[in-house]
Amino acid sequence: MGPTSFKNQQAPCGRIVDGESYQDRDQETLVTEEVDFACGCRSIRHEYHDGSVSCRVVRHDGTIMVDELLCAE
């Protein structure tokens, strides 16, 4: 699926910027959602076939704000 543009959204750093979001499906993960903000911040979420979810949020300066794996019960 191609990118979807958005405007005036709050990035992880707190800035209000434009950006693009992507969604993909492949054999390893059920769904991958990636959001790239114009300031350089990025959010990536993977949903796996077993129901677990990983989430990583990186600020534009490289600071990792969230890096977690939530396992399915």
PDB file of N, CA and C in Angstrom:
ATOM      1  N   MET A   1       0.847  -1.170   0.000  1.00  0.00           N
ATOM      2  CA  MET A   1       0.000   0.000   0.000  1.00  0.00           C
ATOM      3  C   MET A   1       0.897   1.239   0.000  1.00  0.00           C
ATOM      4  N   GLY A   2       0.578   2.221  -0.788  1.00  0.00           N
ATOM      5  CA  GLY A   2       1.386   3.423  -0.898  1.00  0.00           C
ATOM      6  C   GLY A   2       1.237   4.335   0.304  1.00  0.00           C
ATOM      7  N   PRO A   3       2.074   5.352   0.378  1.00  0.00           N
ATOM      8  CA  PRO A   3       2.030   6.266   1.521  1.00  0.00           C
ATOM      9  C   PRO A   3       0.761   7.115   1.517  1.00  0.00           C
ATOM     10  N   THR A   4       0.342   7.474   2.723  1.00  0.00           N
ATOM     11  CA  THR A   4      -0.771   8.383   2.919  1.00  0.00           C
ATOM     12  C   THR A   4      -0.227   9.619   3.611  1.00  0.00           C
ATOM     13  N   SER A   5      -0.391  10.778   3.003  1.00  0.00           N
ATOM     14  CA  SER A   5       0.118  12.021   3.582  1.00  0.00           C
ATOM     15  C   SER A   5      -0.848  12.557   4.627  1.00  0.00           C
ATOM     16  N   PHE A   6      -0.280  13.249   5.625  1.00  0.00           N
ATOM     17  CA  PHE A   6      -1.103  13.934   6.614  1.00  0.00           C
ATOM     18  C   PHE A   6      -0.485  15.294   6.912  1.00  0.00           C
ATOM     19  N   LYS A   7      -1.278  16.170   7.468  1.00  0.00           N
ATOM     20  CA  LYS A   7      -0.835  17.528   7.791  1.00  0.00           C
ATOM     21  C   LYS A   7      -1.155  17.846   9.240  1.00  0.00           C
ATOM     22  N   ASN A   8      -0.305  18.670   9.824  1.00  0.00           N
ATOM     23  CA  ASN A   8      -0.541  19.237  11.155  1.00  0.00           C
ATOM     24  C   ASN A   8      -0.835  18.184  12.226  1.00  0.00           C
ATOM     25  N   GLN A   9       0.033  17.181  12.322  1.00  0.00           N
ATOM     26  CA  GLN A   9      -0.083  16.167  13.362  1.00  0.00           C
ATOM     27  C   GLN A   9       1.056  16.349  14.350  1.00  0.00           C
ATOM     28  N   GLN A  10       0.815  15.979  15.597  1.00  0.00           N
ATOM     29  CA  GLN A  10       1.860  16.111  16.608  1.00  0.00           C
ATOM     30  C   GLN A  10       2.833  14.944  16.503  1.00  0.00           C
ATOM     31  N   ALA A  11       4.096  15.289  16.316  1.00  0.00           N
ATOM     32  CA  ALA A  11       5.166  14.292  16.257  1.00  0.00           C
ATOM     33  C   ALA A  11       5.571  13.912  17.687  1.00  0.00           C
ATOM     34  N   PRO A  12       6.311  12.830  17.861  1.00  0.00           N
ATOM     35  CA  PRO A  12       6.760  12.434  19.197  1.00  0.00           C
ATOM     36  C   PRO A  12       7.557  13.516  19.936  1.00  0.00           C
ATOM     37  N   CYS A  13       8.202  14.418  19.203  1.00  0.00           N
ATOM     38  CA  CYS A  13       8.967  15.488  19.838  1.00  0.00           C
ATOM     39  C   CYS A  13       8.083  16.648  20.295  1.00  0.00           C
ATOM     40  N   GLY A  14       6.813  16.616  19.918  1.00  0.00           N
ATOM     41  CA  GLY A  14       5.880  17.665  20.308  1.00  0.00           C
ATOM     42  C   GLY A  14       5.593  18.682  19.219  1.00  0.00           C
ATOM     43  N   ARG A  15       6.392  18.692  18.173  1.00  0.00           N
ATOM     44  CA  ARG A  15       6.167  19.624  17.068  1.00  0.00           C
ATOM     45  C   ARG A  15       4.916  19.231  16.285  1.00  0.00           C
ATOM     46  N   ILE A  16       4.255  20.208  15.693  1.00  0.00           N
ATOM     47  CA  ILE A  16       3.119  19.965  14.806  1.00  0.00           C
ATOM     48  C   ILE A  16       3.662  20.042  13.380  1.00  0.00           C
ATOM     49  N   VAL A  17       3.670  18.894  12.693  1.00  0.00           N
ATOM     50  CA  VAL A  17       4.301  18.806  11.376  1.00  0.00           C
ATOM     51  C   VAL A  17       3.458  17.949  10.433  1.00  0.00           C
ATOM     52  N   ASP A  18       3.851  17.948   9.175  1.00  0.00           N
ATOM     53  CA  ASP A  18       3.261  17.077   8.169  1.00  0.00           C
ATOM     54  C   ASP A  18       4.044  15.760   8.169  1.00  0.00           C
ATOM     55  N   GLY A  19       3.550  14.797   7.412  1.00  0.00           N
ATOM     56  CA  GLY A  19       4.263  13.539   7.313  1.00  0.00           C
ATOM     57  C   GLY A  19       3.541  12.554   6.432  1.00  0.00           C
ATOM     58  N   GLU A  20       4.005  11.309   6.493  1.00  0.00           N
ATOM     59  CA  GLU A  20       3.411  10.232   5.706  1.00  0.00           C
ATOM     60  C   GLU A  20       3.309   8.979   6.562  1.00  0.00           C
ATOM     61  N   SER A  21       2.268   8.215   6.313  1.00  0.00           N
ATOM     62  CA  SER A  21       2.124   6.928   6.978  1.00  0.00           C
ATOM     63  C   SER A  21       2.049   5.834   5.917  1.00  0.00           C
ATOM     64  N   TYR A  22       2.535   4.662   6.290  1.00  0.00           N
ATOM     65  CA  TYR A  22       2.575   3.515   5.392  1.00  0.00           C
ATOM     66  C   TYR A  22       2.012   2.315   6.125  1.00  0.00           C
ATOM     67  N   GLN A  23       1.389   1.427   5.401  1.00  0.00           N
ATOM     68  CA  GLN A  23       0.940   0.160   5.966  1.00  0.00           C
ATOM     69  C   GLN A  23       1.338  -0.938   4.992  1.00  0.00           C
ATOM     70  N   ASP A  24       1.868  -2.029   5.534  1.00  0.00           N
ATOM     71  CA  ASP A  24       2.343  -3.125   4.703  1.00  0.00           C
ATOM     72  C   ASP A  24       1.983  -4.448   5.370  1.00  0.00           C
ATOM     73  N   ARG A  25       1.836  -5.458   4.576  1.00  0.00           N
ATOM     74  CA  ARG A  25       1.589  -6.820   5.057  1.00  0.00           C
ATOM     75  C   ARG A  25       2.605  -7.730   4.368  1.00  0.00           C
ATOM     76  N   ASP A  26       3.193  -8.652   5.147  1.00  0.00           N
ATOM     77  CA  ASP A  26       4.124  -9.604   4.553  1.00  0.00           C
ATOM     78  C   ASP A  26       4.063 -10.925   5.314  1.00  0.00           C
ATOM     79  N   GLN A  27       4.913 -11.865   4.946  1.00  0.00           N
ATOM     80  CA  GLN A  27       4.863 -13.193   5.551  1.00  0.00           C
ATOM     81  C   GLN A  27       5.342 -13.198   6.998  1.00  0.00           C
ATOM     82  N   GLU A  28       6.277 -12.315   7.355  1.00  0.00           N
ATOM     83  CA  GLU A  28       6.824 -12.304   8.710  1.00  0.00           C
ATOM     84  C   GLU A  28       5.869 -11.637   9.692  1.00  0.00           C
ATOM     85  N   THR A  29       5.268 -10.528   9.275  1.00  0.00           N
ATOM     86  CA  THR A  29       4.346  -9.805  10.144  1.00  0.00           C
ATOM     87  C   THR A  29       2.975  -9.749   9.492  1.00  0.00           C
ATOM     88  N   LEU A  30       1.973  -9.667  10.303  1.00  0.00           N
ATOM     89  CA  LEU A  30       0.619  -9.539   9.792  1.00  0.00           C
ATOM     90  C   LEU A  30       0.416  -8.126   9.235  1.00  0.00           C
ATOM     91  N   VAL A  31       0.807  -7.124  10.028  1.00  0.00           N
ATOM     92  CA  VAL A  31       0.669  -5.727   9.604  1.00  0.00           C
ATOM     93  C   VAL A  31       1.859  -4.933  10.113  1.00  0.00           C
ATOM     94  N   THR A  32       2.408  -4.080   9.272  1.00  0.00           N
ATOM     95  CA  THR A  32       3.427  -3.122   9.670  1.00  0.00           C
ATOM     96  C   THR A  32       2.882  -1.738   9.388  1.00  0.00           C
ATOM     97  N   GLU A  33       2.906  -0.878  10.397  1.00  0.00           N
ATOM     98  CA  GLU A  33       2.492   0.510  10.231  1.00  0.00           C
ATOM     99  C   GLU A  33       3.675   1.399  10.574  1.00  0.00           C
ATOM    100  N   GLU A  34       4.037   2.263   9.649  1.00  0.00           N
ATOM    101  CA  GLU A  34       5.162   3.172   9.853  1.00  0.00           C
ATOM    102  C   GLU A  34       4.672   4.594   9.615  1.00  0.00           C
ATOM    103  N   VAL A  35       5.061   5.493  10.522  1.00  0.00           N
ATOM    104  CA  VAL A  35       4.709   6.902  10.385  1.00  0.00           C
ATOM    105  C   VAL A  35       6.004   7.706  10.404  1.00  0.00           C
ATOM    106  N   ASP A  36       6.236   8.459   9.329  1.00  0.00           N
ATOM    107  CA  ASP A  36       7.415   9.314   9.219  1.00  0.00           C
ATOM    108  C   ASP A  36       6.967  10.771   9.265  1.00  0.00           C
ATOM    109  N   PHE A  37       7.507  11.520  10.218  1.00  0.00           N
ATOM    110  CA  PHE A  37       7.164  12.924  10.387  1.00  0.00           C
ATOM    111  C   PHE A  37       8.206  13.809   9.708  1.00  0.00           C
ATOM    112  N   ALA A  38       7.801  14.979   9.231  1.00  0.00           N
ATOM    113  CA  ALA A  38       8.687  15.890   8.509  1.00  0.00           C
ATOM    114  C   ALA A  38       9.893  16.316   9.350  1.00  0.00           C
ATOM    115  N   CYS A  39       9.774  16.330  10.663  1.00  0.00           N
ATOM    116  CA  CYS A  39      10.876  16.735  11.541  1.00  0.00           C
ATOM    117  C   CYS A  39      11.931  15.644  11.682  1.00  0.00           C
ATOM    118  N   GLY A  40      11.612  14.421  11.236  1.00  0.00           N
ATOM    119  CA  GLY A  40      12.549  13.306  11.336  1.00  0.00           C
ATOM    120  C   GLY A  40      12.150  12.258  12.349  1.00  0.00           C
ATOM    121  N   CYS A  41      11.124  12.518  13.146  1.00  0.00           N
ATOM    122  CA  CYS A  41      10.632  11.509  14.087  1.00  0.00           C
ATOM    123  C   CYS A  41       9.992  10.363  13.300  1.00  0.00           C
ATOM    124  N   ARG A  42       9.977   9.185  13.937  1.00  0.00           N
ATOM    125  CA  ARG A  42       9.422   8.001  13.264  1.00  0.00           C
ATOM    126  C   ARG A  42       8.772   7.077  14.287  1.00  0.00           C
ATOM    127  N   SER A  43       7.672   6.478  13.890  1.00  0.00           N
ATOM    128  CA  SER A  43       6.975   5.491  14.707  1.00  0.00           C
ATOM    129  C   SER A  43       6.760   4.247  13.848  1.00  0.00           C
ATOM    130  N   ILE A  44       7.127   3.084  14.397  1.00  0.00           N
ATOM    131  CA  ILE A  44       6.969   1.827  13.667  1.00  0.00           C
ATOM    132  C   ILE A  44       6.255   0.832  14.578  1.00  0.00           C
ATOM    133  N   ARG A  45       5.209   0.207  14.052  1.00  0.00           N
ATOM    134  CA  ARG A  45       4.430  -0.775  14.807  1.00  0.00           C
ATOM    135  C   ARG A  45       4.285  -2.033  13.958  1.00  0.00           C
ATOM    136  N   HIS A  46       4.645  -3.177  14.544  1.00  0.00           N
ATOM    137  CA  HIS A  46       4.501  -4.471  13.877  1.00  0.00           C
ATOM    138  C   HIS A  46       3.493  -5.305  14.652  1.00  0.00           C
ATOM    139  N   GLU A  47       2.548  -5.870  13.955  1.00  0.00           N
ATOM    140  CA  GLU A  47       1.608  -6.817  14.549  1.00  0.00           C
ATOM    141  C   GLU A  47       1.921  -8.181  13.938  1.00  0.00           C
ATOM    142  N   TYR A  48       2.233  -9.160  14.803  1.00  0.00           N
ATOM    143  CA  TYR A  48       2.659 -10.468  14.337  1.00  0.00           C
ATOM    144  C   TYR A  48       1.500 -11.467  14.326  1.00  0.00           C
ATOM    145  N   HIS A  49       1.687 -12.557  13.599  1.00  0.00           N
ATOM    146  CA  HIS A  49       0.655 -13.579  13.449  1.00  0.00           C
ATOM    147  C   HIS A  49       0.234 -14.205  14.774  1.00  0.00           C
ATOM    148  N   ASP A  50       1.113 -14.237  15.762  1.00  0.00           N
ATOM    149  CA  ASP A  50       0.769 -14.836  17.059  1.00  0.00           C
ATOM    150  C   ASP A  50       0.012 -13.866  17.964  1.00  0.00           C
ATOM    151  N   GLY A  51      -0.253 -12.642  17.472  1.00  0.00           N
ATOM    152  CA  GLY A  51      -0.990 -11.652  18.249  1.00  0.00           C
ATOM    153  C   GLY A  51      -0.121 -10.673  19.002  1.00  0.00           C
ATOM    154  N   SER A  52       1.192 -10.906  19.040  1.00  0.00           N
ATOM    155  CA  SER A  52       2.084  -9.964  19.721  1.00  0.00           C
ATOM    156  C   SER A  52       2.280  -8.717  18.854  1.00  0.00           C
ATOM    157  N   VAL A  53       2.655  -7.628  19.521  1.00  0.00           N
ATOM    158  CA  VAL A  53       2.821  -6.339  18.856  1.00  0.00           C
ATOM    159  C   VAL A  53       4.119  -5.711  19.341  1.00  0.00           C
ATOM    160  N   SER A  54       4.933  -5.188  18.413  1.00  0.00           N
ATOM    161  CA  SER A  54       6.110  -4.429  18.807  1.00  0.00           C
ATOM    162  C   SER A  54       5.919  -2.983  18.359  1.00  0.00           C
ATOM    163  N   CYS A  55       6.422  -2.083  19.167  1.00  0.00           N
ATOM    164  CA  CYS A  55       6.270  -0.657  18.887  1.00  0.00           C
ATOM    165  C   CYS A  55       7.598   0.038  19.180  1.00  0.00           C
ATOM    166  N   ARG A  56       8.013   0.882  18.257  1.00  0.00           N
ATOM    167  CA  ARG A  56       9.251   1.641  18.437  1.00  0.00           C
ATOM    168  C   ARG A  56       8.985   3.068  17.977  1.00  0.00           C
ATOM    169  N   VAL A  57       9.280   4.025  18.845  1.00  0.00           N
ATOM    170  CA  VAL A  57       9.120   5.445  18.534  1.00  0.00           C
ATOM    171  C   VAL A  57      10.477   6.107  18.715  1.00  0.00           C
ATOM    172  N   VAL A  58      10.955   6.760  17.644  1.00  0.00           N
ATOM    173  CA  VAL A  58      12.267   7.396  17.672  1.00  0.00           C
ATOM    174  C   VAL A  58      12.098   8.879  17.351  1.00  0.00           C
ATOM    175  N   ARG A  59      12.617   9.714  18.241  1.00  0.00           N
ATOM    176  CA  ARG A  59      12.575  11.154  18.028  1.00  0.00           C
ATOM    177  C   ARG A  59      13.590  11.552  16.967  1.00  0.00           C
ATOM    178  N   HIS A  60      13.423  12.725  16.361  1.00  0.00           N
ATOM    179  CA  HIS A  60      14.276  13.179  15.258  1.00  0.00           C
ATOM    180  C   HIS A  60      15.750  13.270  15.623  1.00  0.00           C
ATOM    181  N   ASP A  61      16.078  13.364  16.895  1.00  0.00           N
ATOM    182  CA  ASP A  61      17.478  13.427  17.315  1.00  0.00           C
ATOM    183  C   ASP A  61      18.068  12.055  17.626  1.00  0.00           C
ATOM    184  N   GLY A  62      17.274  10.997  17.360  1.00  0.00           N
ATOM    185  CA  GLY A  62      17.749   9.630  17.573  1.00  0.00           C
ATOM    186  C   GLY A  62      17.375   9.038  18.919  1.00  0.00           C
ATOM    187  N   THR A  63      16.780   9.832  19.804  1.00  0.00           N
ATOM    188  CA  THR A  63      16.368   9.335  21.108  1.00  0.00           C
ATOM    189  C   THR A  63      15.222   8.338  20.951  1.00  0.00           C
ATOM    190  N   ILE A  64      15.399   7.150  21.510  1.00  0.00           N
ATOM    191  CA  ILE A  64      14.345   6.142  21.471  1.00  0.00           C
ATOM    192  C   ILE A  64      13.388   6.428  22.620  1.00  0.00           C
ATOM    193  N   MET A  65      12.153   6.732  22.266  1.00  0.00           N
ATOM    194  CA  MET A  65      11.157   7.089  23.272  1.00  0.00           C
ATOM    195  C   MET A  65      10.348   5.876  23.719  1.00  0.00           C
ATOM    196  N   VAL A  66      10.107   4.940  22.817  1.00  0.00           N
ATOM    197  CA  VAL A  66       9.385   3.704  23.123  1.00  0.00           C
ATOM    198  C   VAL A  66      10.050   2.582  22.342  1.00  0.00           C
ATOM    199  N   ASP A  67      10.285   1.456  23.000  1.00  0.00           N
ATOM    200  CA  ASP A  67      10.797   0.275  22.331  1.00  0.00           C
ATOM    201  C   ASP A  67      10.280  -0.919  23.128  1.00  0.00           C
ATOM    202  N   GLU A  68       9.132  -1.448  22.736  1.00  0.00           N
ATOM    203  CA  GLU A  68       8.512  -2.487  23.534  1.00  0.00           C
ATOM    204  C   GLU A  68       7.897  -3.574  22.661  1.00  0.00           C
ATOM    205  N   LEU A  69       7.791  -4.747  23.263  1.00  0.00           N
ATOM    206  CA  LEU A  69       7.128  -5.891  22.640  1.00  0.00           C
ATOM    207  C   LEU A  69       6.030  -6.323  23.591  1.00  0.00           C
ATOM    208  N   LEU A  70       4.802  -6.287  23.111  1.00  0.00           N
ATOM    209  CA  LEU A  70       3.646  -6.713  23.897  1.00  0.00           C
ATOM    210  C   LEU A  70       3.246  -8.088  23.402  1.00  0.00           C
ATOM    211  N   CYS A  71       3.381  -9.073  24.253  1.00  0.00           N
ATOM    212  CA  CYS A  71       3.107 -10.452  23.857  1.00  0.00           C
ATOM    213  C   CYS A  71       1.630 -10.768  24.013  1.00  0.00           C
ATOM    214  N   ALA A  72       1.152 -11.598  23.117  1.00  0.00           N
ATOM    215  CA  ALA A  72      -0.237 -12.064  23.185  1.00  0.00           C
ATOM    216  C   ALA A  72      -0.385 -13.009  24.368  1.00  0.00           C
ATOM    217  N   GLU A  73      -1.550 -12.996  24.966  1.00  0.00           N
ATOM    218  CA  GLU A  73      -1.779 -13.886  26.124  1.00  0.00           C
ATOM    219  C   GLU A  73      -2.412 -15.168  25.686  1.00  0.00           C
TER     220      GLU A  73
END
